[in-house]
Amino acid sequence: MQSILGHGRTCKDFNNLFVIELYHLLMHCNLQDIANICYEDRIDGKFFANVDVQDLLHDQPFSVSNIQILKFKRLQDGWRPYVSS
């Protein structure tokens, strides 16, 4: 678990996430709505490769805000929030 939350990740790392790993990463980043849909519909990181995330996340069943889309895109690129433990 720690490895998916660590910094220095790449888009390839994101695409290789299993459903449960993606769920935990999204929950950690306070993207519960997206996390729950991905878990329920068995969507893994590879599902989001080569798709327009902006359009996908604006539509049903996601329908999330622009800040949530930005956070998701940043996660794909390897960004992880610094959260003190």
C-alpha atoms as a PDB file:
ATOM      1  CA  MET A   1       0.000   0.000   0.000  1.00  0.00           C
ATOM      2  CA  GLN A   2       2.747   2.429   0.947  1.00  0.00           C
ATOM      3  CA  SER A   3       4.275   2.169  -2.534  1.00  0.00           C
ATOM      4  CA  ILE A   4       1.170   3.454  -4.336  1.00  0.00           C
ATOM      5  CA  LEU A   5       0.971   6.422  -1.953  1.00  0.00           C
ATOM      6  CA  GLY A   6       4.655   7.282  -2.284  1.00  0.00           C
ATOM      7  CA  HIS A   7       6.005  10.110  -4.370  1.00  0.00           C
ATOM      8  CA  GLY A   8       7.889   9.706  -7.633  1.00  0.00           C
ATOM      9  CA  ARG A   9       5.259   7.622  -9.411  1.00  0.00           C
ATOM     10  CA  THR A  10       4.722   7.731 -13.166  1.00  0.00           C
ATOM     11  CA  CYS A  11       1.783   7.439 -15.536  1.00  0.00           C
ATOM     12  CA  LYS A  12       2.885   3.861 -16.203  1.00  0.00           C
ATOM     13  CA  ASP A  13       2.671   3.138 -12.456  1.00  0.00           C
ATOM     14  CA  PHE A  14      -0.878   4.517 -12.425  1.00  0.00           C
ATOM     15  CA  ASN A  15      -1.881   2.411 -15.429  1.00  0.00           C
ATOM     16  CA  ASN A  16      -0.620  -0.714 -13.660  1.00  0.00           C
ATOM     17  CA  LEU A  17      -2.782  -0.235 -10.564  1.00  0.00           C
ATOM     18  CA  PHE A  18      -5.172  -3.050  -9.702  1.00  0.00           C
ATOM     19  CA  VAL A  19      -8.772  -2.173  -8.847  1.00  0.00           C
ATOM     20  CA  ILE A  20      -8.176  -2.283  -5.078  1.00  0.00           C
ATOM     21  CA  GLU A  21      -4.969  -0.232  -5.343  1.00  0.00           C
ATOM     22  CA  LEU A  22      -6.711   2.439  -7.405  1.00  0.00           C
ATOM     23  CA  TYR A  23      -9.549   2.479  -4.888  1.00  0.00           C
ATOM     24  CA  HIS A  24      -7.171   3.019  -1.953  1.00  0.00           C
ATOM     25  CA  LEU A  25      -5.206   5.709  -3.779  1.00  0.00           C
ATOM     26  CA  LEU A  26      -8.355   7.630  -4.664  1.00  0.00           C
ATOM     27  CA  MET A  27      -9.706   7.310  -1.131  1.00  0.00           C
ATOM     28  CA  HIS A  28      -6.383   8.582   0.255  1.00  0.00           C
ATOM     29  CA  CYS A  29      -6.728  11.648  -1.986  1.00  0.00           C
ATOM     30  CA  ASN A  30     -10.311  12.343  -0.900  1.00  0.00           C
ATOM     31  CA  LEU A  31     -11.812  11.267  -4.220  1.00  0.00           C
ATOM     32  CA  GLN A  32     -14.345   8.905  -2.683  1.00  0.00           C
ATOM     33  CA  ASP A  33     -16.993   9.218  -5.388  1.00  0.00           C
ATOM     34  CA  ILE A  34     -14.565   8.196  -8.126  1.00  0.00           C
ATOM     35  CA  ALA A  35     -13.061   5.497  -5.888  1.00  0.00           C
ATOM     36  CA  ASN A  36     -16.440   3.910  -5.173  1.00  0.00           C
ATOM     37  CA  ILE A  37     -17.456   3.843  -8.834  1.00  0.00           C
ATOM     38  CA  CYS A  38     -14.115   2.326  -9.857  1.00  0.00           C
ATOM     39  CA  TYR A  39     -14.420  -0.336  -7.171  1.00  0.00           C
ATOM     40  CA  GLU A  40     -18.060  -1.195  -7.901  1.00  0.00           C
ATOM     41  CA  ASP A  41     -17.500  -1.321 -11.665  1.00  0.00           C
ATOM     42  CA  ARG A  42     -14.113  -3.098 -11.343  1.00  0.00           C
ATOM     43  CA  ILE A  43     -12.172  -0.329 -13.109  1.00  0.00           C
ATOM     44  CA  ASP A  44      -8.384  -0.504 -12.838  1.00  0.00           C
ATOM     45  CA  GLY A  45      -5.698   2.015 -13.762  1.00  0.00           C
ATOM     46  CA  LYS A  46      -5.300   0.649 -17.280  1.00  0.00           C
ATOM     47  CA  PHE A  47      -8.926   1.555 -18.019  1.00  0.00           C
ATOM     48  CA  PHE A  48      -7.965   5.244 -17.939  1.00  0.00           C
ATOM     49  CA  ALA A  49      -5.016   4.890 -20.331  1.00  0.00           C
ATOM     50  CA  ASN A  50      -5.472   6.621 -23.686  1.00  0.00           C
ATOM     51  CA  VAL A  51      -8.863   8.139 -22.846  1.00  0.00           C
ATOM     52  CA  ASP A  52      -9.899  11.760 -22.382  1.00  0.00           C
ATOM     53  CA  VAL A  53     -10.260  11.789 -18.605  1.00  0.00           C
ATOM     54  CA  GLN A  54     -11.736  15.305 -18.684  1.00  0.00           C
ATOM     55  CA  ASP A  55     -14.744  14.188 -20.735  1.00  0.00           C
ATOM     56  CA  LEU A  56     -15.065  10.815 -19.039  1.00  0.00           C
ATOM     57  CA  LEU A  57     -15.184  12.204 -15.498  1.00  0.00           C
ATOM     58  CA  HIS A  58     -17.634  14.994 -16.420  1.00  0.00           C
ATOM     59  CA  ASP A  59     -20.202  12.442 -17.620  1.00  0.00           C
ATOM     60  CA  GLN A  60     -22.295   9.903 -15.736  1.00  0.00           C
ATOM     61  CA  PRO A  61     -21.680   7.958 -13.596  1.00  0.00           C
ATOM     62  CA  PHE A  62     -18.778  10.116 -12.376  1.00  0.00           C
ATOM     63  CA  SER A  63     -20.015  13.723 -12.843  1.00  0.00           C
ATOM     64  CA  VAL A  64     -17.275  15.224 -10.675  1.00  0.00           C
ATOM     65  CA  SER A  65     -16.041  18.793 -10.248  1.00  0.00           C
ATOM     66  CA  ASN A  66     -13.168  20.381 -12.127  1.00  0.00           C
ATOM     67  CA  ILE A  67     -10.895  20.279  -9.050  1.00  0.00           C
ATOM     68  CA  GLN A  68     -11.538  16.552  -8.692  1.00  0.00           C
ATOM     69  CA  ILE A  69     -10.665  16.045 -12.363  1.00  0.00           C
ATOM     70  CA  LEU A  70      -7.469  18.045 -11.886  1.00  0.00           C
ATOM     71  CA  LYS A  71      -6.516  15.959  -8.836  1.00  0.00           C
ATOM     72  CA  PHE A  72      -7.187  12.758 -10.782  1.00  0.00           C
ATOM     73  CA  LYS A  73      -5.036  13.913 -13.705  1.00  0.00           C
ATOM     74  CA  ARG A  74      -2.223  14.855 -11.337  1.00  0.00           C
ATOM     75  CA  LEU A  75      -2.445  11.421  -9.705  1.00  0.00           C
ATOM     76  CA  GLN A  76      -2.049   9.844 -13.129  1.00  0.00           C
ATOM     77  CA  ASP A  77       1.130  11.888 -13.611  1.00  0.00           C
ATOM     78  CA  GLY A  78       2.588  10.747 -10.287  1.00  0.00           C
ATOM     79  CA  TRP A  79       1.545  13.494  -7.880  1.00  0.00           C
ATOM     80  CA  ARG A  80       0.762  12.392  -4.326  1.00  0.00           C
ATOM     81  CA  PRO A  81      -0.372  14.743  -1.553  1.00  0.00           C
ATOM     82  CA  TYR A  82       1.964  15.253   1.378  1.00  0.00           C
ATOM     83  CA  VAL A  83      -0.056  14.230   4.422  1.00  0.00           C
ATOM     84  CA  SER A  84       1.579  14.136   7.820  1.00  0.00           C
ATOM     85  CA  SER A  85       1.122  10.906   9.709  1.00  0.00           C
END
